[in-house]
Amino acid sequence: MDIKFENDSVEKCFEDFNLLKKKTGADMARTIKKRFDQLKAAASFSIYLSTGLGKPHSLVGDFKGHYGISISENIRLIIRPRAKGLDPNSLKQCYTVIIKGVIDYHGQKYNWLIP
């Protein structure tokens, strides 16, 4: 699958593992990299969803149209499939996702680790 980034700052973190470790810590950086590699290896977003890796789930509210992928208990990788819709047929034809960042959105505030 083709991976794009919400902005240059997010792209920089995903391209530089040392920067990713600095921002998130070594253990979390390894898990983020693993999820990134799993996404990249899937032929389409639908196939990635079918694996269940990282418990991907669609989001609501401020993140409607995005998916959360578990990094830890509270931390999620936020991605947006580049598709016509979020229905199963559209997701089968989705070959690109956009990484928005890594966030703890539990509780009352959003805490972006990688904005």
N, C-alpha and C. Protein backbone atom coordinates (compact mmCIF):
# COMPACT_ATOMS: atom_id res chain seq x y z
N MET A 1 0.85 -1.17 0.00
CA MET A 1 0.00 0.00 0.00
C MET A 1 0.90 1.24 0.00
N ASP A 2 0.41 2.27 -0.59
CA ASP A 2 1.13 3.53 -0.64
C ASP A 2 0.80 4.33 0.62
N ILE A 3 1.84 4.87 1.26
CA ILE A 3 1.66 5.64 2.48
C ILE A 3 2.01 7.09 2.20
N LYS A 4 1.10 7.98 2.53
CA LYS A 4 1.32 9.43 2.46
C LYS A 4 1.25 9.98 3.88
N PHE A 5 1.58 11.24 4.04
CA PHE A 5 1.60 11.85 5.37
C PHE A 5 0.81 13.15 5.37
N GLU A 6 0.21 13.43 6.52
CA GLU A 6 -0.61 14.64 6.68
C GLU A 6 0.22 15.90 6.46
N ASN A 7 1.47 15.86 6.92
CA ASN A 7 2.34 17.03 6.76
C ASN A 7 3.81 16.59 6.83
N ASP A 8 4.71 17.53 6.58
CA ASP A 8 6.14 17.23 6.55
C ASP A 8 6.68 16.79 7.90
N SER A 9 6.13 17.33 8.98
CA SER A 9 6.57 16.99 10.33
C SER A 9 6.32 15.51 10.63
N VAL A 10 5.14 15.03 10.26
CA VAL A 10 4.80 13.62 10.47
C VAL A 10 5.71 12.74 9.60
N GLU A 11 5.88 13.14 8.35
CA GLU A 11 6.73 12.36 7.44
C GLU A 11 8.16 12.25 7.97
N LYS A 12 8.68 13.35 8.49
CA LYS A 12 10.03 13.37 9.02
C LYS A 12 10.20 12.37 10.16
N CYS A 13 9.22 12.28 11.05
CA CYS A 13 9.28 11.34 12.17
C CYS A 13 9.27 9.89 11.69
N PHE A 14 8.47 9.60 10.68
CA PHE A 14 8.38 8.23 10.18
C PHE A 14 9.58 7.84 9.33
N GLU A 15 10.29 8.81 8.79
CA GLU A 15 11.47 8.52 7.98
C GLU A 15 12.74 8.45 8.82
N ASP A 16 12.72 9.01 10.03
CA ASP A 16 13.90 9.05 10.88
C ASP A 16 13.59 8.33 12.19
N PHE A 17 14.02 7.07 12.29
CA PHE A 17 13.69 6.24 13.45
C PHE A 17 14.24 6.86 14.74
N ASN A 18 15.40 7.50 14.68
CA ASN A 18 15.96 8.12 15.89
C ASN A 18 15.08 9.27 16.38
N LEU A 19 14.54 10.04 15.46
CA LEU A 19 13.62 11.12 15.83
C LEU A 19 12.34 10.53 16.41
N LEU A 20 11.84 9.46 15.81
CA LEU A 20 10.64 8.77 16.32
C LEU A 20 10.88 8.29 17.75
N LYS A 21 12.05 7.70 18.01
CA LYS A 21 12.39 7.24 19.36
C LYS A 21 12.46 8.41 20.34
N LYS A 22 13.03 9.51 19.89
CA LYS A 22 13.16 10.69 20.74
C LYS A 22 11.79 11.23 21.16
N LYS A 23 10.83 11.21 20.22
CA LYS A 23 9.51 11.76 20.49
C LYS A 23 8.61 10.81 21.28
N THR A 24 8.81 9.49 21.11
CA THR A 24 7.86 8.54 21.70
C THR A 24 8.47 7.53 22.67
N GLY A 25 9.78 7.42 22.68
CA GLY A 25 10.44 6.39 23.48
C GLY A 25 10.71 5.16 22.61
N ALA A 26 11.70 4.38 23.00
CA ALA A 26 12.17 3.26 22.17
C ALA A 26 11.10 2.19 21.95
N ASP A 27 10.43 1.77 23.02
CA ASP A 27 9.43 0.70 22.89
C ASP A 27 8.28 1.12 21.99
N MET A 28 7.75 2.29 22.21
CA MET A 28 6.64 2.76 21.41
C MET A 28 7.06 2.99 19.96
N ALA A 29 8.27 3.49 19.76
CA ALA A 29 8.77 3.71 18.39
C ALA A 29 8.84 2.39 17.63
N ARG A 30 9.25 1.31 18.29
CA ARG A 30 9.30 0.01 17.63
C ARG A 30 7.91 -0.46 17.22
N THR A 31 6.93 -0.24 18.10
CA THR A 31 5.56 -0.65 17.79
C THR A 31 4.98 0.21 16.66
N ILE A 32 5.23 1.50 16.69
CA ILE A 32 4.76 2.40 15.62
C ILE A 32 5.37 1.96 14.29
N LYS A 33 6.67 1.69 14.28
CA LYS A 33 7.35 1.24 13.05
C LYS A 33 6.76 -0.09 12.57
N LYS A 34 6.45 -0.98 13.50
CA LYS A 34 5.87 -2.27 13.13
C LYS A 34 4.51 -2.07 12.46
N ARG A 35 3.66 -1.23 13.03
CA ARG A 35 2.34 -0.96 12.43
C ARG A 35 2.50 -0.29 11.06
N PHE A 36 3.44 0.63 10.94
CA PHE A 36 3.72 1.29 9.67
C PHE A 36 4.12 0.25 8.62
N ASP A 37 5.02 -0.65 8.98
CA ASP A 37 5.47 -1.68 8.05
C ASP A 37 4.33 -2.62 7.66
N GLN A 38 3.45 -2.95 8.62
CA GLN A 38 2.30 -3.81 8.33
C GLN A 38 1.35 -3.14 7.34
N LEU A 39 1.10 -1.85 7.54
CA LEU A 39 0.26 -1.11 6.60
C LEU A 39 0.87 -1.11 5.20
N LYS A 40 2.15 -0.83 5.15
CA LYS A 40 2.85 -0.74 3.88
C LYS A 40 2.83 -2.09 3.14
N ALA A 41 2.89 -3.18 3.87
CA ALA A 41 2.94 -4.51 3.27
C ALA A 41 1.60 -4.97 2.72
N ALA A 42 0.50 -4.42 3.22
CA ALA A 42 -0.83 -4.83 2.75
C ALA A 42 -1.07 -4.30 1.34
N ALA A 43 -1.70 -5.11 0.51
CA ALA A 43 -1.99 -4.70 -0.86
C ALA A 43 -3.04 -3.60 -0.92
N SER A 44 -4.00 -3.64 0.00
CA SER A 44 -5.05 -2.61 0.05
C SER A 44 -5.44 -2.39 1.51
N PHE A 45 -6.17 -1.32 1.76
CA PHE A 45 -6.59 -1.04 3.12
C PHE A 45 -7.56 -2.10 3.62
N SER A 46 -8.39 -2.60 2.76
CA SER A 46 -9.33 -3.67 3.12
C SER A 46 -8.59 -4.92 3.60
N ILE A 47 -7.51 -5.26 2.93
CA ILE A 47 -6.72 -6.42 3.34
C ILE A 47 -6.10 -6.16 4.70
N TYR A 48 -5.58 -4.95 4.91
CA TYR A 48 -5.02 -4.63 6.23
C TYR A 48 -6.10 -4.78 7.31
N LEU A 49 -7.28 -4.24 7.06
CA LEU A 49 -8.37 -4.35 8.04
C LEU A 49 -8.67 -5.81 8.36
N SER A 50 -8.64 -6.67 7.36
CA SER A 50 -8.99 -8.08 7.57
C SER A 50 -7.97 -8.81 8.43
N THR A 51 -6.75 -8.29 8.53
CA THR A 51 -5.74 -8.94 9.37
C THR A 51 -6.02 -8.72 10.85
N GLY A 52 -6.65 -7.60 11.18
CA GLY A 52 -6.92 -7.28 12.58
C GLY A 52 -5.70 -6.78 13.33
N LEU A 53 -4.56 -6.65 12.67
CA LEU A 53 -3.34 -6.20 13.34
C LEU A 53 -3.52 -4.78 13.87
N GLY A 54 -3.27 -4.58 15.14
CA GLY A 54 -3.42 -3.27 15.75
C GLY A 54 -4.87 -2.89 16.02
N LYS A 55 -5.76 -3.85 15.90
CA LYS A 55 -7.20 -3.63 16.15
C LYS A 55 -7.71 -2.36 15.47
N PRO A 56 -7.59 -2.27 14.14
CA PRO A 56 -8.04 -1.06 13.45
C PRO A 56 -9.54 -0.84 13.65
N HIS A 57 -9.89 0.41 13.91
CA HIS A 57 -11.29 0.75 14.14
C HIS A 57 -11.58 2.14 13.60
N SER A 58 -12.78 2.28 13.03
CA SER A 58 -13.17 3.58 12.50
C SER A 58 -13.47 4.52 13.66
N LEU A 59 -13.21 5.79 13.43
CA LEU A 59 -13.37 6.79 14.48
C LEU A 59 -14.56 7.68 14.19
N VAL A 60 -15.00 8.39 15.22
CA VAL A 60 -16.16 9.28 15.12
C VAL A 60 -15.76 10.66 15.61
N GLY A 61 -16.70 11.56 15.61
CA GLY A 61 -16.47 12.91 16.13
C GLY A 61 -15.46 13.66 15.29
N ASP A 62 -14.48 14.27 15.95
CA ASP A 62 -13.45 15.06 15.27
C ASP A 62 -12.65 14.23 14.27
N PHE A 63 -12.63 12.92 14.46
CA PHE A 63 -11.83 12.04 13.60
C PHE A 63 -12.69 11.18 12.67
N LYS A 64 -13.89 11.64 12.39
CA LYS A 64 -14.75 10.90 11.46
C LYS A 64 -14.03 10.79 10.11
N GLY A 65 -14.08 9.60 9.52
CA GLY A 65 -13.39 9.36 8.27
C GLY A 65 -11.97 8.83 8.46
N HIS A 66 -11.54 8.74 9.70
CA HIS A 66 -10.22 8.23 10.03
C HIS A 66 -10.34 6.88 10.73
N TYR A 67 -9.23 6.19 10.83
CA TYR A 67 -9.14 4.94 11.57
C TYR A 67 -8.06 5.07 12.62
N GLY A 68 -8.27 4.42 13.75
CA GLY A 68 -7.27 4.32 14.80
C GLY A 68 -6.67 2.93 14.78
N ILE A 69 -5.37 2.86 14.93
CA ILE A 69 -4.66 1.58 15.02
C ILE A 69 -3.89 1.60 16.33
N SER A 70 -4.12 0.59 17.15
CA SER A 70 -3.53 0.55 18.49
C SER A 70 -2.02 0.44 18.46
N ILE A 71 -1.40 1.30 19.25
CA ILE A 71 0.03 1.25 19.50
C ILE A 71 0.25 0.73 20.92
N SER A 72 -0.53 1.26 21.85
CA SER A 72 -0.52 0.79 23.24
C SER A 72 -1.95 0.93 23.77
N GLU A 73 -2.11 0.78 25.05
CA GLU A 73 -3.45 0.83 25.63
C GLU A 73 -4.21 2.11 25.27
N ASN A 74 -3.53 3.25 25.31
CA ASN A 74 -4.19 4.53 25.04
C ASN A 74 -3.70 5.24 23.78
N ILE A 75 -2.64 4.79 23.19
CA ILE A 75 -2.01 5.49 22.07
C ILE A 75 -2.46 4.86 20.75
N ARG A 76 -2.81 5.72 19.78
CA ARG A 76 -3.28 5.25 18.48
C ARG A 76 -2.55 5.95 17.34
N LEU A 77 -2.29 5.18 16.30
CA LEU A 77 -1.83 5.72 15.02
C LEU A 77 -3.10 6.11 14.27
N ILE A 78 -3.20 7.36 13.86
CA ILE A 78 -4.40 7.85 13.17
C ILE A 78 -4.11 7.91 11.67
N ILE A 79 -4.95 7.22 10.90
CA ILE A 79 -4.79 7.22 9.45
C ILE A 79 -6.12 7.52 8.78
N ARG A 80 -6.01 8.01 7.56
CA ARG A 80 -7.21 8.27 6.76
C ARG A 80 -7.04 7.55 5.43
N PRO A 81 -7.94 6.60 5.15
CA PRO A 81 -7.86 5.94 3.84
C PRO A 81 -8.21 6.93 2.74
N ARG A 82 -7.46 6.90 1.66
CA ARG A 82 -7.78 7.75 0.50
C ARG A 82 -8.71 6.92 -0.38
N ALA A 83 -10.01 7.05 -0.10
CA ALA A 83 -11.03 6.26 -0.79
C ALA A 83 -12.25 7.13 -1.03
N LYS A 84 -13.10 6.69 -1.94
CA LYS A 84 -14.33 7.44 -2.25
C LYS A 84 -15.29 7.43 -1.07
N GLY A 85 -15.24 6.38 -0.28
CA GLY A 85 -16.11 6.24 0.89
C GLY A 85 -15.52 5.23 1.84
N LEU A 86 -16.20 4.97 2.92
CA LEU A 86 -15.71 4.00 3.90
C LEU A 86 -16.47 2.68 3.83
N ASP A 87 -17.25 2.51 2.77
CA ASP A 87 -17.98 1.25 2.59
C ASP A 87 -16.99 0.17 2.16
N PRO A 88 -17.33 -1.10 2.36
CA PRO A 88 -16.40 -2.19 2.02
C PRO A 88 -15.88 -2.17 0.58
N ASN A 89 -16.73 -1.85 -0.39
CA ASN A 89 -16.27 -1.82 -1.78
C ASN A 89 -15.24 -0.72 -2.02
N SER A 90 -15.45 0.44 -1.43
CA SER A 90 -14.48 1.54 -1.58
C SER A 90 -13.15 1.17 -0.92
N LEU A 91 -13.22 0.53 0.26
CA LEU A 91 -11.99 0.18 0.98
C LEU A 91 -11.21 -0.92 0.26
N LYS A 92 -11.92 -1.80 -0.49
CA LYS A 92 -11.23 -2.82 -1.28
C LYS A 92 -10.38 -2.18 -2.37
N GLN A 93 -10.80 -1.01 -2.81
CA GLN A 93 -10.07 -0.31 -3.88
C GLN A 93 -9.20 0.82 -3.33
N CYS A 94 -8.98 0.81 -2.03
CA CYS A 94 -8.15 1.84 -1.40
C CYS A 94 -6.72 1.32 -1.29
N TYR A 95 -5.83 1.95 -2.05
CA TYR A 95 -4.42 1.54 -2.08
C TYR A 95 -3.50 2.58 -1.48
N THR A 96 -4.07 3.62 -0.88
CA THR A 96 -3.29 4.69 -0.26
C THR A 96 -3.94 5.10 1.05
N VAL A 97 -3.11 5.27 2.08
CA VAL A 97 -3.59 5.84 3.33
C VAL A 97 -2.71 7.03 3.68
N ILE A 98 -3.30 7.95 4.43
CA ILE A 98 -2.59 9.15 4.86
C ILE A 98 -2.43 9.07 6.37
N ILE A 99 -1.20 9.11 6.83
CA ILE A 99 -0.93 9.08 8.28
C ILE A 99 -1.06 10.49 8.82
N LYS A 100 -1.99 10.66 9.76
CA LYS A 100 -2.21 11.95 10.40
C LYS A 100 -1.24 12.16 11.55
N GLY A 101 -0.97 11.09 12.31
CA GLY A 101 -0.05 11.19 13.42
C GLY A 101 -0.32 10.13 14.46
N VAL A 102 0.29 10.32 15.62
CA VAL A 102 0.13 9.41 16.75
C VAL A 102 -0.40 10.22 17.92
N ILE A 103 -1.45 9.71 18.56
CA ILE A 103 -2.18 10.50 19.56
C ILE A 103 -2.68 9.63 20.70
N ASP A 104 -2.82 10.26 21.85
CA ASP A 104 -3.60 9.70 22.95
C ASP A 104 -4.87 10.53 22.97
N TYR A 105 -5.98 9.97 22.46
CA TYR A 105 -7.23 10.73 22.40
C TYR A 105 -8.20 10.30 23.48
N HIS A 106 -7.75 9.51 24.42
CA HIS A 106 -8.61 9.10 25.53
C HIS A 106 -8.62 10.19 26.60
N GLY A 107 -9.72 10.35 27.25
CA GLY A 107 -9.83 11.42 28.23
C GLY A 107 -10.41 12.66 27.59
N GLN A 108 -10.19 13.79 28.21
CA GLN A 108 -10.82 15.02 27.76
C GLN A 108 -9.96 15.84 26.79
N LYS A 109 -8.67 15.53 26.68
CA LYS A 109 -7.78 16.30 25.82
C LYS A 109 -7.10 15.39 24.82
N TYR A 110 -6.76 15.96 23.66
CA TYR A 110 -5.95 15.24 22.68
C TYR A 110 -4.49 15.53 22.99
N ASN A 111 -3.70 14.47 23.10
CA ASN A 111 -2.28 14.63 23.35
C ASN A 111 -1.54 14.02 22.16
N TRP A 112 -1.13 14.88 21.22
CA TRP A 112 -0.43 14.41 20.04
C TRP A 112 1.03 14.15 20.37
N LEU A 113 1.49 12.92 20.15
CA LEU A 113 2.89 12.60 20.29
C LEU A 113 3.64 12.94 19.01
N ILE A 114 2.96 12.69 17.88
CA ILE A 114 3.48 13.07 16.57
C ILE A 114 2.35 13.78 15.83
N PRO A 115 2.39 15.11 15.82
CA PRO A 115 1.31 15.87 15.16
C PRO A 115 1.58 16.13 13.69
